[in-house]
C-alpha cells in the first residue's frame, strides 16, 4: 500500500461494544485511497474483519506489549 496521507488515529480502548465498531464504520465512510486508519483497541474486533473483507478493505493486526491491539486499515489497491 502506498501511504500518501497521514494515518487517521482511532483510539477506542476502554469503550464498550458496539461503540468501537460504530466509530470505525463511521471513519471507513470517509477514508480516501492512500489514507489508513490506525485503530487502537483492547480486544480483537472479530466482526470487523468480516466487514472489512466484504467491503474492499485490507488490514493488519499487531498485538502491542500491553495486550492491546493496533489495527491498520486501508483500501485494497
N, C-alpha and C. Protein backbone atom coordinates (compact mmCIF):
# COMPACT_ATOMS: atom_id res chain seq x y z
N UNK A 1 0.85 -1.18 0.00
CA UNK A 1 0.00 0.00 0.00
C UNK A 1 0.88 1.23 0.00
N UNK A 2 0.56 2.13 -0.84
CA UNK A 2 1.29 3.39 -0.94
C UNK A 2 0.67 4.39 0.01
N UNK A 3 1.40 4.81 1.03
CA UNK A 3 0.87 5.75 2.01
C UNK A 3 1.13 7.17 1.53
N UNK A 4 0.04 7.92 1.28
CA UNK A 4 0.20 9.28 0.76
C UNK A 4 -0.29 10.33 1.75
N UNK A 5 -1.10 9.99 2.68
CA UNK A 5 -1.64 10.94 3.65
C UNK A 5 -1.35 10.45 5.07
N UNK A 6 -1.59 11.30 6.02
CA UNK A 6 -1.41 10.92 7.41
C UNK A 6 -2.42 9.86 7.82
N UNK A 7 -1.98 8.96 8.70
CA UNK A 7 -2.91 7.97 9.26
C UNK A 7 -3.96 8.69 10.10
N UNK A 8 -5.16 8.16 10.09
CA UNK A 8 -6.22 8.65 10.96
C UNK A 8 -6.20 7.80 12.22
N UNK A 9 -6.03 8.41 13.37
CA UNK A 9 -5.96 7.68 14.62
C UNK A 9 -7.36 7.51 15.19
N UNK A 10 -7.68 6.27 15.56
CA UNK A 10 -8.95 5.96 16.20
C UNK A 10 -8.64 5.15 17.45
N UNK A 11 -8.71 5.79 18.59
CA UNK A 11 -8.42 5.13 19.87
C UNK A 11 -9.75 4.80 20.54
N UNK A 12 -10.10 3.52 20.53
CA UNK A 12 -11.38 3.10 21.12
C UNK A 12 -11.14 2.20 22.34
N UNK A 13 -9.95 2.27 22.90
CA UNK A 13 -9.65 1.47 24.10
C UNK A 13 -10.55 1.91 25.23
N UNK A 14 -11.11 0.93 25.92
CA UNK A 14 -11.96 1.21 27.07
C UNK A 14 -13.43 1.41 26.74
N UNK A 15 -13.77 1.50 25.47
CA UNK A 15 -15.17 1.67 25.10
C UNK A 15 -15.87 0.32 25.04
N UNK A 16 -17.12 0.31 25.41
CA UNK A 16 -17.92 -0.93 25.39
C UNK A 16 -18.55 -1.13 24.02
N UNK A 17 -18.69 -2.41 23.60
CA UNK A 17 -19.37 -2.69 22.34
C UNK A 17 -20.81 -2.18 22.40
N UNK A 18 -21.35 -1.72 21.32
CA UNK A 18 -20.83 -1.73 19.95
C UNK A 18 -20.12 -0.45 19.54
N UNK A 19 -19.80 0.43 20.49
CA UNK A 19 -19.25 1.74 20.15
C UNK A 19 -17.96 1.67 19.32
N UNK A 20 -16.99 0.79 19.63
CA UNK A 20 -15.79 0.74 18.79
C UNK A 20 -16.12 0.42 17.32
N UNK A 21 -17.01 -0.53 17.10
CA UNK A 21 -17.40 -0.89 15.74
C UNK A 21 -18.11 0.27 15.05
N UNK A 22 -19.01 0.93 15.75
CA UNK A 22 -19.72 2.07 15.17
C UNK A 22 -18.75 3.18 14.77
N UNK A 23 -17.78 3.44 15.61
CA UNK A 23 -16.82 4.52 15.32
C UNK A 23 -15.94 4.19 14.11
N UNK A 24 -15.47 2.95 14.03
CA UNK A 24 -14.62 2.60 12.89
C UNK A 24 -15.44 2.58 11.60
N UNK A 25 -16.69 2.17 11.65
CA UNK A 25 -17.53 2.19 10.45
C UNK A 25 -17.76 3.62 9.98
N UNK A 26 -17.94 4.55 10.91
CA UNK A 26 -18.07 5.97 10.55
C UNK A 26 -16.80 6.47 9.85
N UNK A 27 -15.65 6.06 10.36
CA UNK A 27 -14.39 6.50 9.77
C UNK A 27 -14.15 5.87 8.40
N UNK A 28 -14.56 4.62 8.24
CA UNK A 28 -14.40 3.96 6.94
C UNK A 28 -15.16 4.71 5.85
N UNK A 29 -16.28 5.30 6.22
CA UNK A 29 -17.12 6.01 5.25
C UNK A 29 -16.42 7.24 4.67
N UNK A 30 -15.43 7.79 5.37
CA UNK A 30 -14.74 8.99 4.89
C UNK A 30 -13.28 8.72 4.53
N UNK A 31 -12.85 7.48 4.62
CA UNK A 31 -11.47 7.13 4.31
C UNK A 31 -11.24 7.22 2.80
N UNK A 32 -10.21 7.94 2.42
CA UNK A 32 -9.89 8.08 0.99
C UNK A 32 -8.72 7.17 0.64
N UNK A 33 -8.63 6.76 -0.62
CA UNK A 33 -7.48 5.94 -1.03
C UNK A 33 -6.17 6.63 -0.67
N UNK A 34 -5.24 5.86 -0.14
CA UNK A 34 -3.97 6.40 0.31
C UNK A 34 -3.93 6.70 1.79
N UNK A 35 -5.09 6.80 2.43
CA UNK A 35 -5.14 7.01 3.88
C UNK A 35 -5.29 5.66 4.57
N UNK A 36 -4.89 5.63 5.83
CA UNK A 36 -5.10 4.44 6.66
C UNK A 36 -5.72 4.87 7.97
N UNK A 37 -6.47 3.97 8.55
CA UNK A 37 -6.97 4.15 9.91
C UNK A 37 -6.03 3.34 10.81
N UNK A 38 -5.56 3.97 11.86
CA UNK A 38 -4.77 3.26 12.88
C UNK A 38 -5.67 3.16 14.11
N UNK A 39 -6.24 1.99 14.28
CA UNK A 39 -7.22 1.75 15.35
C UNK A 39 -6.52 1.09 16.53
N UNK A 40 -6.69 1.67 17.72
CA UNK A 40 -6.17 1.10 18.96
C UNK A 40 -7.36 0.57 19.74
N UNK A 41 -7.29 -0.69 20.12
CA UNK A 41 -8.43 -1.33 20.78
C UNK A 41 -7.91 -2.36 21.78
N UNK A 42 -8.70 -2.65 22.79
CA UNK A 42 -8.24 -3.57 23.83
C UNK A 42 -8.78 -4.99 23.71
N UNK A 43 -9.33 -5.33 22.56
CA UNK A 43 -9.78 -6.70 22.29
C UNK A 43 -9.84 -6.89 20.78
N UNK A 44 -9.82 -8.14 20.35
CA UNK A 44 -9.92 -8.43 18.91
C UNK A 44 -11.35 -8.14 18.44
N UNK A 45 -11.53 -7.26 17.45
CA UNK A 45 -12.86 -6.96 16.94
C UNK A 45 -13.24 -7.91 15.79
N UNK A 46 -13.46 -9.16 16.11
CA UNK A 46 -13.69 -10.18 15.09
C UNK A 46 -14.80 -9.83 14.10
N UNK A 47 -15.94 -9.27 14.50
CA UNK A 47 -16.96 -8.91 13.50
C UNK A 47 -16.44 -7.89 12.47
N UNK A 48 -15.53 -7.03 12.87
CA UNK A 48 -15.00 -6.02 11.96
C UNK A 48 -14.25 -6.67 10.80
N UNK A 49 -13.53 -7.73 11.04
CA UNK A 49 -12.71 -8.35 9.99
C UNK A 49 -13.57 -8.82 8.82
N UNK A 50 -14.71 -9.41 9.09
CA UNK A 50 -15.62 -9.83 8.02
C UNK A 50 -16.17 -8.65 7.24
N UNK A 51 -16.47 -7.58 7.94
CA UNK A 51 -16.97 -6.36 7.28
C UNK A 51 -15.91 -5.80 6.36
N UNK A 52 -14.67 -5.76 6.83
CA UNK A 52 -13.58 -5.23 6.01
C UNK A 52 -13.36 -6.10 4.77
N UNK A 53 -13.37 -7.41 4.95
CA UNK A 53 -13.17 -8.33 3.82
C UNK A 53 -14.25 -8.16 2.76
N UNK A 54 -15.48 -7.96 3.18
CA UNK A 54 -16.60 -7.84 2.24
C UNK A 54 -16.68 -6.48 1.56
N UNK A 55 -15.98 -5.48 2.09
CA UNK A 55 -16.12 -4.11 1.60
C UNK A 55 -14.83 -3.53 1.02
N UNK A 56 -13.96 -4.40 0.52
CA UNK A 56 -12.79 -3.96 -0.23
C UNK A 56 -11.75 -3.20 0.60
N UNK A 57 -11.55 -3.66 1.84
CA UNK A 57 -10.52 -3.10 2.70
C UNK A 57 -9.50 -4.17 3.05
N UNK A 58 -8.28 -3.73 3.30
CA UNK A 58 -7.23 -4.60 3.82
C UNK A 58 -6.94 -4.16 5.25
N UNK A 59 -6.35 -5.06 6.02
CA UNK A 59 -6.00 -4.70 7.39
C UNK A 59 -4.82 -5.52 7.87
N UNK A 60 -4.14 -4.99 8.86
CA UNK A 60 -3.01 -5.65 9.50
C UNK A 60 -3.21 -5.50 11.00
N UNK A 61 -3.09 -6.60 11.72
CA UNK A 61 -3.30 -6.59 13.17
C UNK A 61 -1.97 -6.86 13.87
N UNK A 62 -1.64 -6.00 14.82
CA UNK A 62 -0.44 -6.20 15.65
C UNK A 62 -0.85 -6.19 17.11
N UNK A 63 -0.29 -7.13 17.87
CA UNK A 63 -0.52 -7.16 19.31
C UNK A 63 0.54 -6.28 19.97
N UNK A 64 0.09 -5.35 20.79
CA UNK A 64 1.00 -4.46 21.49
C UNK A 64 1.47 -5.09 22.79
N UNK A 65 2.48 -4.53 23.39
CA UNK A 65 3.08 -5.10 24.61
C UNK A 65 2.10 -5.17 25.77
N UNK A 66 1.11 -4.29 25.79
CA UNK A 66 0.15 -4.27 26.90
C UNK A 66 -1.10 -5.11 26.62
N UNK A 67 -0.97 -6.08 25.70
CA UNK A 67 -2.06 -6.99 25.32
C UNK A 67 -3.24 -6.26 24.69
N UNK A 68 -2.95 -5.16 24.07
CA UNK A 68 -3.95 -4.44 23.29
C UNK A 68 -3.57 -4.60 21.84
N UNK A 69 -4.40 -4.09 20.95
CA UNK A 69 -4.20 -4.32 19.53
C UNK A 69 -4.14 -3.01 18.76
N UNK A 70 -3.31 -3.01 17.73
CA UNK A 70 -3.26 -1.92 16.76
C UNK A 70 -3.66 -2.53 15.42
N UNK A 71 -4.68 -1.95 14.81
CA UNK A 71 -5.17 -2.45 13.54
C UNK A 71 -5.05 -1.34 12.51
N UNK A 72 -4.28 -1.59 11.46
CA UNK A 72 -4.17 -0.66 10.35
C UNK A 72 -5.16 -1.09 9.29
N UNK A 73 -5.95 -0.15 8.77
CA UNK A 73 -6.99 -0.44 7.80
C UNK A 73 -6.81 0.50 6.61
N UNK A 74 -6.89 -0.04 5.40
CA UNK A 74 -6.79 0.79 4.20
C UNK A 74 -7.56 0.14 3.05
N UNK A 75 -7.81 0.92 2.01
CA UNK A 75 -8.49 0.41 0.82
C UNK A 75 -7.61 -0.57 0.09
N UNK A 76 -8.21 -1.62 -0.45
CA UNK A 76 -7.44 -2.52 -1.31
C UNK A 76 -7.05 -1.76 -2.56
N UNK A 77 -5.86 -2.02 -3.07
CA UNK A 77 -5.38 -1.34 -4.28
C UNK A 77 -6.10 -1.84 -5.51
